[in-house]
């Protein structure tokens, strides 16, 4: 009786396991360090002294507003990039993805040069409408939107490109108008990717620091978000910074635990 040989290319190369383990530890240990070194017995006093409630509320409000702006402008943008061919499409796509690789601090400088009082657009907003965006809550929202919206656009663009167009064509033959097809057929097809992109976008906005501190400012109870509060605390009392990191870590864990299996995997597979 002959024994079948296992194909040489099957199975997991053992040389890949050690670097994979190192990669997991590299990503996991810093998170565990926060939990181990957190001053659990002093959390209440630290949160009261640093006015965490105001910073956390501002972070939640501004990040949700940034998500709303990203949905309003990012969903149509993703559809255009996926479905319309026009000269300069590659440049537009590159412009959309620049904030993904641009250092956030550089993003803050760019926003300041564009929308500041002397910026190429901001000067007109100030002269014509009296609108000053830097160092305001609106500035915080715009900074978060700038760095977070590309996550939504990139996620949705792929979903729009691979969505089954047969259903859209069937709806068109039945007399449905383009906007109705988009809202009733196209969007439902990409709901998993829409939710996954929205979660990534909101999480990125919630944790944004570099562009926010440069363009929005870091004034307590005005423009100070949780990330900027953590930096301020770390400069004076590192132990407080550890405690202040816990709420954002909790949000991240809850989001991943609640949505990963239900939304992120289907979106990645689509």
C-alpha atoms as a PDB file:
ATOM      1  CA  UNK A   1       0.000   0.000   0.000  1.00  0.00           C
ATOM      2  CA  UNK A   2       1.474   3.307  -1.075  1.00  0.00           C
ATOM      3  CA  UNK A   3       1.571   6.331   1.203  1.00  0.00           C
ATOM      4  CA  UNK A   4       0.749   9.627  -0.380  1.00  0.00           C
ATOM      5  CA  UNK A   5       3.411  12.217  -0.034  1.00  0.00           C
ATOM      6  CA  UNK A   6       2.494  15.595   1.279  1.00  0.00           C
ATOM      7  CA  UNK A   7       3.192  18.261  -1.351  1.00  0.00           C
ATOM      8  CA  UNK A   8       6.393  20.105  -0.533  1.00  0.00           C
ATOM      9  CA  UNK A   9       4.730  23.517  -0.714  1.00  0.00           C
ATOM     10  CA  UNK A  10       1.914  22.791   1.728  1.00  0.00           C
ATOM     11  CA  UNK A  11       1.904  23.601   5.412  1.00  0.00           C
ATOM     12  CA  UNK A  12       3.391  26.533   7.289  1.00  0.00           C
ATOM     13  CA  UNK A  13       7.105  27.286   6.848  1.00  0.00           C
ATOM     14  CA  UNK A  14       8.517  27.012  10.365  1.00  0.00           C
ATOM     15  CA  UNK A  15      10.878  29.918   9.765  1.00  0.00           C
ATOM     16  CA  UNK A  16       7.859  32.245   9.622  1.00  0.00           C
ATOM     17  CA  UNK A  17       6.671  31.386  13.126  1.00  0.00           C
ATOM     18  CA  UNK A  18       9.383  33.113  15.244  1.00  0.00           C
ATOM     19  CA  UNK A  19       9.094  36.502  13.463  1.00  0.00           C
ATOM     20  CA  UNK A  20       5.310  36.223  13.662  1.00  0.00           C
ATOM     21  CA  UNK A  21       5.529  35.665  17.419  1.00  0.00           C
ATOM     22  CA  UNK A  22       7.907  38.623  17.772  1.00  0.00           C
ATOM     23  CA  UNK A  23       5.479  40.771  15.756  1.00  0.00           C
ATOM     24  CA  UNK A  24       2.560  39.838  18.008  1.00  0.00           C
ATOM     25  CA  UNK A  25       4.566  40.535  21.152  1.00  0.00           C
ATOM     26  CA  UNK A  26       5.798  43.840  19.758  1.00  0.00           C
ATOM     27  CA  UNK A  27       2.193  44.967  19.217  1.00  0.00           C
ATOM     28  CA  UNK A  28       0.771  43.440  22.390  1.00  0.00           C
ATOM     29  CA  UNK A  29       3.358  44.198  25.082  1.00  0.00           C
ATOM     30  CA  UNK A  30       3.012  48.023  24.982  1.00  0.00           C
ATOM     31  CA  UNK A  31      -0.727  47.675  25.478  1.00  0.00           C
ATOM     32  CA  UNK A  32      -0.218  45.289  28.372  1.00  0.00           C
ATOM     33  CA  UNK A  33       2.344  47.696  29.837  1.00  0.00           C
ATOM     34  CA  UNK A  34      -0.333  50.364  30.128  1.00  0.00           C
ATOM     35  CA  UNK A  35      -2.569  47.967  32.041  1.00  0.00           C
ATOM     36  CA  UNK A  36       0.254  46.767  34.292  1.00  0.00           C
ATOM     37  CA  UNK A  37       1.635  50.220  35.116  1.00  0.00           C
ATOM     38  CA  UNK A  38      -1.705  52.022  35.450  1.00  0.00           C
ATOM     39  CA  UNK A  39      -2.254  53.576  38.905  1.00  0.00           C
ATOM     40  CA  UNK A  40      -5.585  51.835  39.429  1.00  0.00           C
ATOM     41  CA  UNK A  41      -6.075  52.998  43.009  1.00  0.00           C
ATOM     42  CA  UNK A  42      -5.626  56.674  42.051  1.00  0.00           C
ATOM     43  CA  UNK A  43      -7.734  56.811  38.883  1.00  0.00           C
ATOM     44  CA  UNK A  44     -10.579  58.797  40.410  1.00  0.00           C
ATOM     45  CA  UNK A  45      -8.325  61.540  41.766  1.00  0.00           C
ATOM     46  CA  UNK A  46      -6.272  61.717  38.563  1.00  0.00           C
ATOM     47  CA  UNK A  47      -9.376  62.029  36.412  1.00  0.00           C
ATOM     48  CA  UNK A  48     -10.785  64.780  38.629  1.00  0.00           C
ATOM     49  CA  UNK A  49      -7.540  66.744  38.760  1.00  0.00           C
ATOM     50  CA  UNK A  50      -7.059  66.629  34.986  1.00  0.00           C
ATOM     51  CA  UNK A  51     -10.696  67.372  34.118  1.00  0.00           C
ATOM     52  CA  UNK A  52     -10.990  64.232  32.025  1.00  0.00           C
ATOM     53  CA  UNK A  53     -14.741  64.646  31.583  1.00  0.00           C
ATOM     54  CA  UNK A  54     -14.342  67.856  29.558  1.00  0.00           C
ATOM     55  CA  UNK A  55     -11.550  66.475  27.363  1.00  0.00           C
ATOM     56  CA  UNK A  56     -13.339  63.173  26.771  1.00  0.00           C
ATOM     57  CA  UNK A  57     -16.598  64.938  25.925  1.00  0.00           C
ATOM     58  CA  UNK A  58     -14.817  67.216  23.460  1.00  0.00           C
ATOM     59  CA  UNK A  59     -13.051  64.225  21.893  1.00  0.00           C
ATOM     60  CA  UNK A  60     -16.323  62.371  21.422  1.00  0.00           C
ATOM     61  CA  UNK A  61     -18.177  65.394  20.048  1.00  0.00           C
ATOM     62  CA  UNK A  62     -15.470  66.485  17.614  1.00  0.00           C
ATOM     63  CA  UNK A  63     -14.704  62.945  16.405  1.00  0.00           C
ATOM     64  CA  UNK A  64     -18.401  62.302  15.708  1.00  0.00           C
ATOM     65  CA  UNK A  65     -18.629  65.595  13.849  1.00  0.00           C
ATOM     66  CA  UNK A  66     -15.539  64.620  11.864  1.00  0.00           C
ATOM     67  CA  UNK A  67     -17.184  61.293  11.047  1.00  0.00           C
ATOM     68  CA  UNK A  68     -20.325  63.092   9.875  1.00  0.00           C
ATOM     69  CA  UNK A  69     -18.295  65.349   7.580  1.00  0.00           C
ATOM     70  CA  UNK A  70     -16.413  62.325   6.301  1.00  0.00           C
ATOM     71  CA  UNK A  71     -19.668  60.548   5.464  1.00  0.00           C
ATOM     72  CA  UNK A  72     -21.157  63.589   3.739  1.00  0.00           C
ATOM     73  CA  UNK A  73     -18.125  64.167   1.523  1.00  0.00           C
ATOM     74  CA  UNK A  74     -16.305  60.843   1.628  1.00  0.00           C
ATOM     75  CA  UNK A  75     -19.092  58.541   0.436  1.00  0.00           C
ATOM     76  CA  UNK A  76     -19.703  60.501  -2.810  1.00  0.00           C
ATOM     77  CA  UNK A  77     -15.945  60.835  -3.295  1.00  0.00           C
ATOM     78  CA  UNK A  78     -15.423  57.087  -2.932  1.00  0.00           C
ATOM     79  CA  UNK A  79     -18.194  56.424  -5.465  1.00  0.00           C
ATOM     80  CA  UNK A  80     -16.691  58.867  -7.984  1.00  0.00           C
ATOM     81  CA  UNK A  81     -13.243  57.299  -7.637  1.00  0.00           C
ATOM     82  CA  UNK A  82     -14.681  53.805  -8.091  1.00  0.00           C
ATOM     83  CA  UNK A  83     -17.161  54.383 -10.891  1.00  0.00           C
ATOM     84  CA  UNK A  84     -16.118  57.376 -13.006  1.00  0.00           C
ATOM     85  CA  UNK A  85     -13.124  57.529 -15.316  1.00  0.00           C
ATOM     86  CA  UNK A  86     -11.801  61.018 -16.034  1.00  0.00           C
ATOM     87  CA  UNK A  87      -8.462  62.683 -16.788  1.00  0.00           C
ATOM     88  CA  UNK A  88      -6.440  63.124 -13.632  1.00  0.00           C
ATOM     89  CA  UNK A  89      -8.142  60.284 -11.741  1.00  0.00           C
ATOM     90  CA  UNK A  90      -4.778  59.000 -10.554  1.00  0.00           C
ATOM     91  CA  UNK A  91      -3.851  62.421  -9.177  1.00  0.00           C
ATOM     92  CA  UNK A  92      -7.175  62.720  -7.349  1.00  0.00           C
ATOM     93  CA  UNK A  93      -6.741  59.271  -5.836  1.00  0.00           C
ATOM     94  CA  UNK A  94      -3.199  60.167  -4.769  1.00  0.00           C
ATOM     95  CA  UNK A  95      -4.435  63.408  -3.190  1.00  0.00           C
ATOM     96  CA  UNK A  96      -7.048  61.468  -1.225  1.00  0.00           C
ATOM     97  CA  UNK A  97      -4.489  59.021   0.131  1.00  0.00           C
ATOM     98  CA  UNK A  98      -1.798  61.583   0.979  1.00  0.00           C
ATOM     99  CA  UNK A  99      -3.101  62.111   4.560  1.00  0.00           C
ATOM    100  CA  UNK A 100      -2.676  58.367   5.153  1.00  0.00           C
ATOM    101  CA  UNK A 101       1.093  58.630   4.784  1.00  0.00           C
ATOM    102  CA  UNK A 102       1.597  62.276   5.688  1.00  0.00           C
ATOM    103  CA  UNK A 103       2.920  62.893   9.219  1.00  0.00           C
ATOM    104  CA  UNK A 104      -0.003  64.384  11.196  1.00  0.00           C
ATOM    105  CA  UNK A 105       2.120  67.342  12.276  1.00  0.00           C
ATOM    106  CA  UNK A 106       2.759  68.170   8.627  1.00  0.00           C
ATOM    107  CA  UNK A 107      -0.982  67.881   8.070  1.00  0.00           C
ATOM    108  CA  UNK A 108      -1.509  70.503  10.770  1.00  0.00           C
ATOM    109  CA  UNK A 109       0.975  72.821   9.075  1.00  0.00           C
ATOM    110  CA  UNK A 110      -0.772  72.278   5.731  1.00  0.00           C
ATOM    111  CA  UNK A 111      -4.160  73.089   7.241  1.00  0.00           C
ATOM    112  CA  UNK A 112      -2.735  76.206   8.830  1.00  0.00           C
ATOM    113  CA  UNK A 113      -1.308  77.390   5.496  1.00  0.00           C
ATOM    114  CA  UNK A 114      -4.582  76.668   3.741  1.00  0.00           C
ATOM    115  CA  UNK A 115      -7.226  77.688   6.286  1.00  0.00           C
ATOM    116  CA  UNK A 116      -5.363  79.957   8.708  1.00  0.00           C
ATOM    117  CA  UNK A 117      -5.947  83.692   8.840  1.00  0.00           C
ATOM    118  CA  UNK A 118      -3.261  84.233   6.221  1.00  0.00           C
ATOM    119  CA  UNK A 119      -3.920  80.957   4.402  1.00  0.00           C
ATOM    120  CA  UNK A 120      -4.736  80.722   0.733  1.00  0.00           C
ATOM    121  CA  UNK A 121      -8.404  80.076   1.605  1.00  0.00           C
ATOM    122  CA  UNK A 122      -8.580  81.154   5.234  1.00  0.00           C
ATOM    123  CA  UNK A 123      -7.804  84.801   4.476  1.00  0.00           C
ATOM    124  CA  UNK A 124     -10.994  85.049   2.454  1.00  0.00           C
ATOM    125  CA  UNK A 125     -13.029  83.285   5.102  1.00  0.00           C
ATOM    126  CA  UNK A 126     -11.753  85.830   7.611  1.00  0.00           C
ATOM    127  CA  UNK A 127     -12.146  88.914   5.375  1.00  0.00           C
ATOM    128  CA  UNK A 128     -15.509  88.074   3.831  1.00  0.00           C
ATOM    129  CA  UNK A 129     -17.295  86.133   6.581  1.00  0.00           C
ATOM    130  CA  UNK A 130     -15.295  86.785   9.762  1.00  0.00           C
ATOM    131  CA  UNK A 131     -14.645  83.050  10.169  1.00  0.00           C
ATOM    132  CA  UNK A 132     -11.437  82.107  11.967  1.00  0.00           C
ATOM    133  CA  UNK A 133     -10.817  78.375  12.098  1.00  0.00           C
ATOM    134  CA  UNK A 134      -7.441  77.824  13.818  1.00  0.00           C
ATOM    135  CA  UNK A 135      -7.425  77.302  17.591  1.00  0.00           C
ATOM    136  CA  UNK A 136     -11.157  76.683  17.737  1.00  0.00           C
ATOM    137  CA  UNK A 137     -13.387  73.648  18.102  1.00  0.00           C
ATOM    138  CA  UNK A 138     -14.166  73.914  14.390  1.00  0.00           C
ATOM    139  CA  UNK A 139     -10.444  73.715  13.738  1.00  0.00           C
ATOM    140  CA  UNK A 140     -10.242  70.538  15.799  1.00  0.00           C
ATOM    141  CA  UNK A 141     -13.052  68.980  13.751  1.00  0.00           C
ATOM    142  CA  UNK A 142     -11.423  69.915  10.442  1.00  0.00           C
ATOM    143  CA  UNK A 143      -8.045  68.565  11.550  1.00  0.00           C
ATOM    144  CA  UNK A 144      -9.625  65.261  12.577  1.00  0.00           C
ATOM    145  CA  UNK A 145     -11.577  65.086   9.329  1.00  0.00           C
ATOM    146  CA  UNK A 146      -8.445  65.717   7.263  1.00  0.00           C
ATOM    147  CA  UNK A 147      -6.574  62.753   8.719  1.00  0.00           C
ATOM    148  CA  UNK A 148      -9.562  60.399   9.157  1.00  0.00           C
ATOM    149  CA  UNK A 149     -11.689  60.716   6.000  1.00  0.00           C
ATOM    150  CA  UNK A 150      -9.202  58.847   3.752  1.00  0.00           C
ATOM    151  CA  UNK A 151      -9.782  55.686   5.808  1.00  0.00           C
ATOM    152  CA  UNK A 152     -13.467  55.806   4.910  1.00  0.00           C
ATOM    153  CA  UNK A 153     -12.833  56.683   1.263  1.00  0.00           C
ATOM    154  CA  UNK A 154     -10.277  53.928   0.673  1.00  0.00           C
ATOM    155  CA  UNK A 155     -12.471  51.300   2.340  1.00  0.00           C
ATOM    156  CA  UNK A 156     -15.571  52.293   0.406  1.00  0.00           C
ATOM    157  CA  UNK A 157     -13.874  52.752  -2.953  1.00  0.00           C
ATOM    158  CA  UNK A 158     -12.942  49.094  -3.099  1.00  0.00           C
ATOM    159  CA  UNK A 159     -16.461  48.072  -2.061  1.00  0.00           C
ATOM    160  CA  UNK A 160     -18.099  50.262  -4.724  1.00  0.00           C
ATOM    161  CA  UNK A 161     -15.743  48.892  -7.370  1.00  0.00           C
ATOM    162  CA  UNK A 162     -16.505  45.242  -6.579  1.00  0.00           C
ATOM    163  CA  UNK A 163     -20.233  45.605  -5.868  1.00  0.00           C
ATOM    164  CA  UNK A 164     -22.558  43.602  -8.123  1.00  0.00           C
ATOM    165  CA  UNK A 165     -23.746  46.028 -10.803  1.00  0.00           C
ATOM    166  CA  UNK A 166     -26.324  43.594 -12.146  1.00  0.00           C
ATOM    167  CA  UNK A 167     -28.741  44.645  -9.425  1.00  0.00           C
ATOM    168  CA  UNK A 168     -28.211  48.317 -10.282  1.00  0.00           C
ATOM    169  CA  UNK A 169     -28.862  47.587 -13.973  1.00  0.00           C
ATOM    170  CA  UNK A 170     -31.995  45.651 -13.081  1.00  0.00           C
ATOM    171  CA  UNK A 171     -33.282  48.568 -11.042  1.00  0.00           C
ATOM    172  CA  UNK A 172     -32.529  50.924 -13.925  1.00  0.00           C
ATOM    173  CA  UNK A 173     -34.499  48.784 -16.374  1.00  0.00           C
ATOM    174  CA  UNK A 174     -37.455  48.976 -13.977  1.00  0.00           C
ATOM    175  CA  UNK A 175     -37.377  52.778 -14.223  1.00  0.00           C
ATOM    176  CA  UNK A 176     -35.604  53.679 -10.991  1.00  0.00           C
ATOM    177  CA  UNK A 177     -33.733  56.973 -11.072  1.00  0.00           C
ATOM    178  CA  UNK A 178     -30.008  57.177 -10.443  1.00  0.00           C
ATOM    179  CA  UNK A 179     -30.264  58.655  -6.955  1.00  0.00           C
ATOM    180  CA  UNK A 180     -32.848  56.070  -5.940  1.00  0.00           C
ATOM    181  CA  UNK A 181     -30.625  53.285  -7.278  1.00  0.00           C
ATOM    182  CA  UNK A 182     -27.712  54.653  -5.287  1.00  0.00           C
ATOM    183  CA  UNK A 183     -29.642  54.909  -2.014  1.00  0.00           C
ATOM    184  CA  UNK A 184     -31.784  51.775  -2.333  1.00  0.00           C
ATOM    185  CA  UNK A 185     -29.467  49.375  -4.178  1.00  0.00           C
ATOM    186  CA  UNK A 186     -25.827  50.471  -4.184  1.00  0.00           C
ATOM    187  CA  UNK A 187     -25.483  51.593  -0.570  1.00  0.00           C
ATOM    188  CA  UNK A 188     -27.115  48.449   0.898  1.00  0.00           C
ATOM    189  CA  UNK A 189     -24.610  46.373  -1.079  1.00  0.00           C
ATOM    190  CA  UNK A 190     -21.667  48.063   0.646  1.00  0.00           C
ATOM    191  CA  UNK A 191     -23.098  48.385   4.162  1.00  0.00           C
ATOM    192  CA  UNK A 192     -20.430  46.140   5.780  1.00  0.00           C
ATOM    193  CA  UNK A 193     -17.656  48.214   4.216  1.00  0.00           C
ATOM    194  CA  UNK A 194     -19.477  51.433   5.085  1.00  0.00           C
ATOM    195  CA  UNK A 195     -19.685  50.429   8.735  1.00  0.00           C
ATOM    196  CA  UNK A 196     -16.087  49.198   8.822  1.00  0.00           C
ATOM    197  CA  UNK A 197     -14.831  52.379   7.143  1.00  0.00           C
ATOM    198  CA  UNK A 198     -16.887  54.530   9.500  1.00  0.00           C
ATOM    199  CA  UNK A 199     -15.465  52.751  12.541  1.00  0.00           C
ATOM    200  CA  UNK A 200     -11.898  53.177  11.278  1.00  0.00           C
ATOM    201  CA  UNK A 201     -12.574  56.808  10.425  1.00  0.00           C
ATOM    202  CA  UNK A 202     -14.099  57.600  13.812  1.00  0.00           C
ATOM    203  CA  UNK A 203     -11.362  55.781  15.711  1.00  0.00           C
ATOM    204  CA  UNK A 204      -8.695  57.673  13.771  1.00  0.00           C
ATOM    205  CA  UNK A 205     -10.425  60.982  14.472  1.00  0.00           C
ATOM    206  CA  UNK A 206     -10.777  60.144  18.161  1.00  0.00           C
ATOM    207  CA  UNK A 207      -7.062  59.419  18.485  1.00  0.00           C
ATOM    208  CA  UNK A 208      -5.765  62.248  16.283  1.00  0.00           C
ATOM    209  CA  UNK A 209      -3.105  64.403  17.882  1.00  0.00           C
ATOM    210  CA  UNK A 210      -0.547  66.043  15.577  1.00  0.00           C
ATOM    211  CA  UNK A 211      -2.781  67.997  13.228  1.00  0.00           C
ATOM    212  CA  UNK A 212      -5.194  68.754  16.066  1.00  0.00           C
ATOM    213  CA  UNK A 213      -2.657  70.332  18.394  1.00  0.00           C
ATOM    214  CA  UNK A 214      -1.201  72.505  15.615  1.00  0.00           C
ATOM    215  CA  UNK A 215      -4.406  73.633  13.957  1.00  0.00           C
ATOM    216  CA  UNK A 216      -6.989  73.261  16.714  1.00  0.00           C
ATOM    217  CA  UNK A 217      -4.909  74.095  19.773  1.00  0.00           C
ATOM    218  CA  UNK A 218      -4.662  72.643  23.253  1.00  0.00           C
ATOM    219  CA  UNK A 219      -6.700  74.909  25.511  1.00  0.00           C
ATOM    220  CA  UNK A 220      -8.336  73.118  28.489  1.00  0.00           C
ATOM    221  CA  UNK A 221     -12.149  72.952  28.276  1.00  0.00           C
ATOM    222  CA  UNK A 222     -12.022  74.577  24.848  1.00  0.00           C
ATOM    223  CA  UNK A 223      -9.876  72.696  22.315  1.00  0.00           C
ATOM    224  CA  UNK A 224      -8.083  70.144  24.496  1.00  0.00           C
ATOM    225  CA  UNK A 225      -8.969  66.606  23.439  1.00  0.00           C
ATOM    226  CA  UNK A 226      -7.936  63.426  25.206  1.00  0.00           C
ATOM    227  CA  UNK A 227      -4.767  62.859  23.122  1.00  0.00           C
ATOM    228  CA  UNK A 228      -3.542  66.415  23.715  1.00  0.00           C
ATOM    229  CA  UNK A 229      -4.421  66.128  27.405  1.00  0.00           C
ATOM    230  CA  UNK A 230      -2.336  62.941  27.600  1.00  0.00           C
ATOM    231  CA  UNK A 231       0.666  64.744  26.103  1.00  0.00           C
ATOM    232  CA  UNK A 232       0.292  67.632  28.545  1.00  0.00           C
ATOM    233  CA  UNK A 233       0.105  65.219  31.472  1.00  0.00           C
ATOM    234  CA  UNK A 234       3.080  63.186  30.229  1.00  0.00           C
ATOM    235  CA  UNK A 235       5.258  66.293  30.199  1.00  0.00           C
ATOM    236  CA  UNK A 236       4.577  66.969  33.874  1.00  0.00           C
ATOM    237  CA  UNK A 237       3.327  63.747  35.484  1.00  0.00           C
ATOM    238  CA  UNK A 238       3.927  60.559  33.434  1.00  0.00           C
ATOM    239  CA  UNK A 239       1.875  58.466  35.847  1.00  0.00           C
ATOM    240  CA  UNK A 240      -1.173  60.600  35.088  1.00  0.00           C
ATOM    241  CA  UNK A 241      -0.598  60.073  31.350  1.00  0.00           C
ATOM    242  CA  UNK A 242      -0.813  56.319  31.878  1.00  0.00           C
ATOM    243  CA  UNK A 243      -4.141  56.681  33.672  1.00  0.00           C
ATOM    244  CA  UNK A 244      -5.481  59.064  31.029  1.00  0.00           C
ATOM    245  CA  UNK A 245      -4.634  56.572  28.285  1.00  0.00           C
ATOM    246  CA  UNK A 246      -7.013  53.982  29.717  1.00  0.00           C
ATOM    247  CA  UNK A 247     -10.310  55.494  28.410  1.00  0.00           C
ATOM    248  CA  UNK A 248      -9.019  55.549  24.827  1.00  0.00           C
ATOM    249  CA  UNK A 249      -7.657  52.038  25.201  1.00  0.00           C
ATOM    250  CA  UNK A 250     -11.045  50.889  26.488  1.00  0.00           C
ATOM    251  CA  UNK A 251     -12.818  52.466  23.505  1.00  0.00           C
ATOM    252  CA  UNK A 252     -10.443  50.703  21.106  1.00  0.00           C
ATOM    253  CA  UNK A 253     -10.924  47.311  22.765  1.00  0.00           C
ATOM    254  CA  UNK A 254     -14.715  47.640  22.843  1.00  0.00           C
ATOM    255  CA  UNK A 255     -14.892  48.672  19.186  1.00  0.00           C
ATOM    256  CA  UNK A 256     -12.673  45.854  17.984  1.00  0.00           C
ATOM    257  CA  UNK A 257     -14.374  43.265  20.141  1.00  0.00           C
ATOM    258  CA  UNK A 258     -17.875  44.291  19.081  1.00  0.00           C
ATOM    259  CA  UNK A 259     -17.326  44.869  15.374  1.00  0.00           C
ATOM    260  CA  UNK A 260     -14.413  42.790  14.155  1.00  0.00           C
ATOM    261  CA  UNK A 261     -16.180  39.466  13.549  1.00  0.00           C
ATOM    262  CA  UNK A 262     -19.429  41.015  12.369  1.00  0.00           C
ATOM    263  CA  UNK A 263     -18.232  43.833  10.116  1.00  0.00           C
ATOM    264  CA  UNK A 264     -14.481  44.002   9.533  1.00  0.00           C
ATOM    265  CA  UNK A 265     -14.013  40.454   8.250  1.00  0.00           C
ATOM    266  CA  UNK A 266     -16.903  40.588   5.738  1.00  0.00           C
ATOM    267  CA  UNK A 267     -15.625  43.960   4.568  1.00  0.00           C
ATOM    268  CA  UNK A 268     -12.125  42.610   4.104  1.00  0.00           C
ATOM    269  CA  UNK A 269     -13.461  39.627   2.187  1.00  0.00           C
ATOM    270  CA  UNK A 270     -15.637  41.689  -0.126  1.00  0.00           C
END
